[in-house]
Protein backbone atom coordinates (compact mmCIF):
# COMPACT_ATOMS: atom_id res chain seq x y z
CA MET A 1 81.82 80.14 108.08
CA GLN A 2 81.49 83.62 106.66
CA ALA A 3 84.40 85.99 105.99
CA ARG A 4 84.33 89.39 107.57
CA LYS A 5 84.24 91.97 104.82
CA ARG A 6 85.08 95.66 104.75
CA ASP A 7 83.56 97.14 101.64
CA ALA A 8 84.53 100.59 100.38
CA SER A 9 81.60 102.98 100.19
CA HIS A 10 83.05 106.26 98.98
CA CYS A 11 85.30 105.19 96.09
CA ASP A 12 84.07 101.88 94.75
CA ALA A 13 82.55 102.69 91.34
CA VAL A 14 84.90 102.83 88.36
CA GLY A 15 82.50 104.30 85.85
CA ASP A 16 81.15 101.43 83.76
CA GLY A 17 79.09 99.88 86.55
CA SER A 18 81.96 97.69 87.75
CA ARG A 19 82.84 98.13 91.39
CA LEU A 20 86.06 98.00 93.39
CA ARG A 21 86.25 97.09 97.04
CA VAL A 22 88.79 95.94 99.61
CA VAL A 23 87.83 92.66 101.26
CA SER A 24 89.67 91.28 104.29
CA TYR A 25 89.66 87.69 105.54
CA ASP A 26 90.53 86.50 109.03
CA PRO A 27 93.61 84.28 109.55
CA GLY A 28 92.85 80.59 109.23
CA LEU A 29 89.37 81.17 107.79
CA THR A 30 87.92 78.29 105.77
CA GLN A 31 85.18 78.86 103.20
CA ARG A 32 83.25 75.86 101.98
CA ARG A 33 82.54 75.38 98.28
CA HIS A 34 80.42 78.23 96.99
CA ALA A 35 79.85 80.33 93.85
CA HIS A 36 79.01 83.92 92.91
CA ASP A 37 76.52 85.18 90.34
CA TYR A 38 79.00 87.76 89.00
CA ALA A 39 82.40 87.75 87.31
CA SER A 40 85.31 89.15 89.29
CA ILE A 41 89.02 89.91 89.27
CA THR A 42 90.92 89.72 92.58
CA LEU A 43 94.36 91.08 93.52
CA ILE A 44 95.94 89.85 96.75
CA LEU A 45 97.34 92.85 98.64
CA GLY A 46 98.71 90.83 101.53
CA GLY A 47 98.50 87.41 103.14
CA GLY A 48 97.65 84.35 101.10
CA LEU A 49 95.27 81.46 100.56
CA GLU A 50 94.71 78.08 99.02
CA GLU A 51 91.81 77.95 96.58
CA ARG A 52 90.27 74.88 94.97
CA ALA A 53 88.01 74.89 91.91
CA GLY A 54 87.02 71.61 90.32
CA ARG A 55 90.06 69.32 90.52
CA SER A 56 92.59 72.14 90.56
CA THR A 57 94.17 73.76 93.63
CA ARG A 58 96.33 76.89 93.74
CA GLN A 59 98.34 78.30 96.62
CA VAL A 60 98.79 82.03 96.12
CA ALA A 61 100.12 85.05 97.98
CA ARG A 62 100.73 88.79 97.63
CA GLY A 63 100.58 90.07 94.07
CA TRP A 64 98.76 87.07 92.59
CA MET A 65 95.59 87.80 90.65
CA CYS A 66 92.55 85.69 89.79
CA VAL A 67 89.77 86.02 87.21
CA LYS A 68 86.62 84.11 88.04
CA ALA A 69 83.51 83.70 85.88
CA PRO A 70 79.98 83.61 87.34
CA GLY A 71 78.93 80.27 88.78
CA VAL A 72 82.43 78.87 89.35
CA GLU A 73 82.31 76.77 92.51
CA HIS A 74 85.38 77.23 94.69
CA ALA A 75 86.53 76.65 98.25
CA CYS A 76 89.15 78.71 100.11
CA ARG A 77 91.46 78.27 103.07
CA PHE A 78 93.30 81.39 104.21
CA GLY A 79 96.77 81.55 105.71
CA GLY A 80 98.07 82.47 109.13
CA GLU A 81 97.94 86.23 108.65
CA ARG A 82 95.05 88.46 107.72
CA THR A 83 94.53 88.36 103.96
CA GLN A 84 93.58 91.58 102.20
CA THR A 85 92.33 91.70 98.64
CA LEU A 86 91.31 94.30 96.09
CA GLN A 87 88.32 92.94 94.19
CA LEU A 88 86.74 94.16 90.96
CA ARG A 89 83.17 93.02 90.47
CA LEU A 90 82.47 93.24 86.75
CA ALA A 91 79.38 95.13 85.64
CA ALA A 92 77.98 92.42 83.38
CA PRO A 93 78.14 88.66 84.11
CA GLY A 94 79.13 87.96 80.49
CA LEU A 95 81.80 90.63 80.25
CA LEU A 96 84.60 88.07 80.33
CA ASN A 97 83.46 86.61 77.02
CA ASP A 98 81.62 89.60 75.58
CA SER A 99 84.65 91.86 75.77
CA LEU A 100 87.03 89.35 74.20
CA GLY A 101 84.70 87.48 71.88
CA ASP A 102 85.93 84.06 72.97
CA SER A 103 83.57 81.65 74.73
CA SER A 104 86.36 79.15 75.35
CA LEU A 105 88.28 81.29 77.84
CA PRO A 106 89.05 79.61 81.17
CA SER A 107 86.50 80.37 83.87
CA TRP A 108 89.01 80.31 86.75
CA THR A 109 92.58 81.47 86.27
CA TRP A 110 95.34 82.65 88.62
CA ARG A 111 98.35 84.65 87.43
CA PRO A 112 101.60 85.35 89.35
CA PRO A 113 102.71 88.92 90.12
CA GLY A 114 103.57 91.06 87.11
CA ARG A 115 102.17 93.74 84.79
CA LEU A 116 98.59 92.89 85.75
CA ILE A 117 99.12 94.55 89.14
CA SER A 118 99.67 97.88 87.42
CA GLU A 119 96.61 97.37 85.18
CA MET A 120 94.42 96.64 88.21
CA LEU A 121 95.70 99.53 90.32
CA ALA A 122 95.16 101.91 87.39
CA LEU A 123 91.40 101.40 87.78
CA LEU A 124 91.58 103.13 91.15
CA ARG A 125 92.33 106.42 89.42
CA LEU A 126 88.85 106.40 87.86
CA ARG A 127 87.11 106.55 91.21
CA ASP A 128 87.41 110.35 91.49
CA THR A 129 87.24 111.14 87.78
CA PRO A 130 84.52 113.74 87.09
CA ARG A 131 81.38 112.16 85.69
CA LEU A 132 81.96 113.22 82.12
CA PRO A 133 80.10 111.58 79.20
CA ASP A 134 83.11 109.50 78.21
CA ARG A 135 83.95 108.30 81.74
CA ALA A 136 81.98 105.07 81.41
CA THR A 137 83.58 104.39 78.03
CA GLU A 138 87.07 104.88 79.44
CA ALA A 139 86.31 102.63 82.39
CA GLU A 140 84.90 99.91 80.16
CA GLU A 141 87.95 100.08 77.90
CA ARG A 142 90.31 99.79 80.86
CA VAL A 143 88.44 96.80 82.25
CA GLN A 144 88.53 95.14 78.83
CA ASP A 145 92.26 95.89 78.53
CA LEU A 146 92.80 94.28 81.93
CA LEU A 147 90.88 91.18 80.87
CA ALA A 148 92.78 91.00 77.58
CA ALA A 149 96.13 91.29 79.37
CA PHE A 150 95.05 88.73 81.96
CA LEU A 151 93.95 86.09 79.51
CA ALA A 152 96.43 86.75 76.69
CA PRO A 153 98.93 84.09 77.84
CA THR A 154 96.31 81.39 77.23
CA ARG A 155 96.36 82.22 73.51
CA ARG A 156 99.95 81.32 72.77
CA ALA A 157 102.22 78.43 73.55
CA PRO A 158 104.17 79.24 76.73
CA GLU A 159 107.93 79.53 76.51
CA ARG A 160 110.03 77.85 79.14
CA ALA A 161 111.06 80.32 81.83
CA PRO A 162 114.69 80.26 83.01
CA ALA A 163 115.37 78.28 86.17
CA TRP A 164 116.52 81.42 87.99
CA LEU A 165 113.25 83.33 87.51
CA PRO A 166 111.38 82.24 90.69
CA ARG A 167 114.47 82.90 92.78
CA MET A 168 114.94 86.35 91.26
CA ARG A 169 111.28 87.22 91.86
CA GLU A 170 111.86 86.58 95.55
CA ALA A 171 115.17 88.43 95.57
CA LEU A 172 113.61 91.53 94.02
CA VAL A 173 110.91 91.56 96.70
CA ASP A 174 112.92 90.61 99.79
CA GLY A 175 116.47 91.65 98.95
CA HIS A 176 118.34 94.87 98.28
CA GLU A 177 120.70 93.78 95.51
CA SER A 178 120.76 95.83 92.35
CA VAL A 179 119.62 94.40 89.03
CA ASP A 180 123.27 94.19 87.93
CA GLU A 181 124.13 92.16 91.03
CA LEU A 182 121.21 89.81 90.50
CA ALA A 183 122.18 89.30 86.86
CA ARG A 184 125.74 88.39 87.90
CA ALA A 185 124.35 85.94 90.47
CA CYS A 186 122.47 84.23 87.63
CA GLY A 187 125.56 84.17 85.41
CA VAL A 188 123.92 86.22 82.63
CA HIS A 189 124.43 89.68 81.18
CA ARG A 190 122.26 92.38 82.78
CA VAL A 191 120.63 93.21 79.42
CA HIS A 192 119.67 89.56 78.90
CA PHE A 193 118.47 89.35 82.50
CA ALA A 194 116.23 92.40 82.15
CA ARG A 195 114.90 91.37 78.73
CA CYS A 196 114.14 87.81 79.86
CA PHE A 197 112.51 88.96 83.11
CA ARG A 198 110.28 91.41 81.28
CA HIS A 199 109.30 88.82 78.69
CA HIS A 200 108.08 86.34 81.29
CA VAL A 201 106.77 88.72 83.98
CA GLY A 202 105.49 91.59 81.86
CA VAL A 203 107.44 94.39 83.55
CA PRO A 204 111.16 95.19 83.97
CA PRO A 205 112.84 94.04 87.19
CA ALA A 206 112.95 97.51 88.76
CA ARG A 207 109.27 98.08 88.02
CA TYR A 208 108.40 94.70 89.51
CA ARG A 209 110.27 95.58 92.70
CA ARG A 210 108.40 98.89 92.90
CA LEU A 211 104.96 97.31 92.40
CA MET A 212 105.56 94.65 95.03
CA ARG A 213 106.92 97.24 97.45
CA VAL A 214 103.77 99.34 96.94
CA LEU A 215 101.59 96.30 97.68
CA ARG A 216 103.55 95.67 100.86
CA ALA A 217 103.08 99.28 101.89
CA ILE A 218 99.33 99.20 101.21
CA ASN A 219 98.95 96.01 103.22
CA ALA A 220 101.01 97.41 106.09
CA VAL A 221 99.23 100.75 106.45
CA ARG A 222 95.82 99.05 106.43
CA ARG A 223 96.62 96.47 109.10
CA ASP A 224 99.14 98.37 111.24
CA PRO A 225 98.49 101.67 113.10
CA THR A 226 102.23 102.31 113.25
CA ALA A 227 103.45 105.72 112.07
CA LEU A 228 104.03 105.97 108.32
CA ALA A 229 107.72 106.76 108.77
CA ALA A 230 108.27 103.44 110.57
CA ILE A 231 106.34 101.51 107.90
CA ALA A 232 108.33 103.21 105.14
CA ALA A 233 111.60 102.16 106.76
CA ALA A 234 110.40 98.59 107.33
CA GLU A 235 109.20 98.19 103.73
CA GLY A 236 112.38 99.40 102.08
CA PHE A 237 111.54 103.00 101.12
CA ALA A 238 114.09 105.78 101.49
CA ASP A 239 111.73 107.70 103.77
CA GLN A 240 108.06 108.47 104.37
CA SER A 241 107.86 110.93 101.46
CA HIS A 242 109.28 108.31 99.10
CA MET A 243 106.60 105.83 100.17
CA ILE A 244 103.81 108.40 99.76
CA ARG A 245 105.01 109.33 96.26
CA GLU A 246 105.23 105.74 95.04
CA VAL A 247 101.91 104.60 96.51
CA ARG A 248 100.11 107.63 95.12
CA ALA A 249 101.79 107.28 91.72
CA GLU A 250 100.64 103.66 91.37
CA THR A 251 97.16 103.89 92.88
CA GLY A 252 96.08 107.54 92.99
CA LEU A 253 95.65 107.14 96.76
CA THR A 254 97.99 108.20 99.55
CA PRO A 255 98.92 105.69 102.28
CA LEU A 256 96.62 107.50 104.72
CA ALA A 257 93.75 107.27 102.24
CA TRP A 258 94.34 103.52 102.03
CA ARG A 259 94.28 103.36 105.83
CA ARG A 260 90.96 105.21 105.95
CA TRP A 261 89.39 103.22 103.10
CA ALA A 262 86.69 100.90 104.38
CA GLN A 263 87.31 101.79 108.03
């Protein structure tokens, strides 16, 4: 069964030959084991899926990111709502190893929401950059930085995350408590809370909340024709202008531009 895809046509190149596109998958879609002849990085904008590669299976949702080398066989089963992804197809099949100089890097890796979201969204700003001589160099450097940040955790022994971290991730996305209130709920000082959260997630708590709220907004405006003011209220923004500012600050695109992209 083939997924229905909506590929961007007017803002997909990022300058070094790599290409960005939004790909949507129908609810309940199942993809049998298959492989691609290119390396890719995927950010889940909304929805979720279960993916199996080899003997490993991961269940992932909004904000999770995956790096996949060419030839990796994988099978996917998508969740009950439409899943939207932002996918970066790398210019060269060997870029994963060529850029980092390490042939032992994992060929299929998922990472939970964190700093990588910001690194991925930053590539969108290159789509309208004038075609200056150094544009390709800048794009290549940004892609390599993204790969380095993505795979860096595999190079050091992981430290045990506090037991409250998964719960606080959810609270920052779904709740309205301040960072101080969340720290008190964990029984730790707010400075320790913020430092520990940043160490394990890669961004401070407030920044994490903002990134996840922007992903929710992007997903909502692309799937829902509702007026922007109503979406802004539903997704926790102060008003429509607040949502527009934050989405544009993170991605270089306004909510309406996201709605038009690939339609």
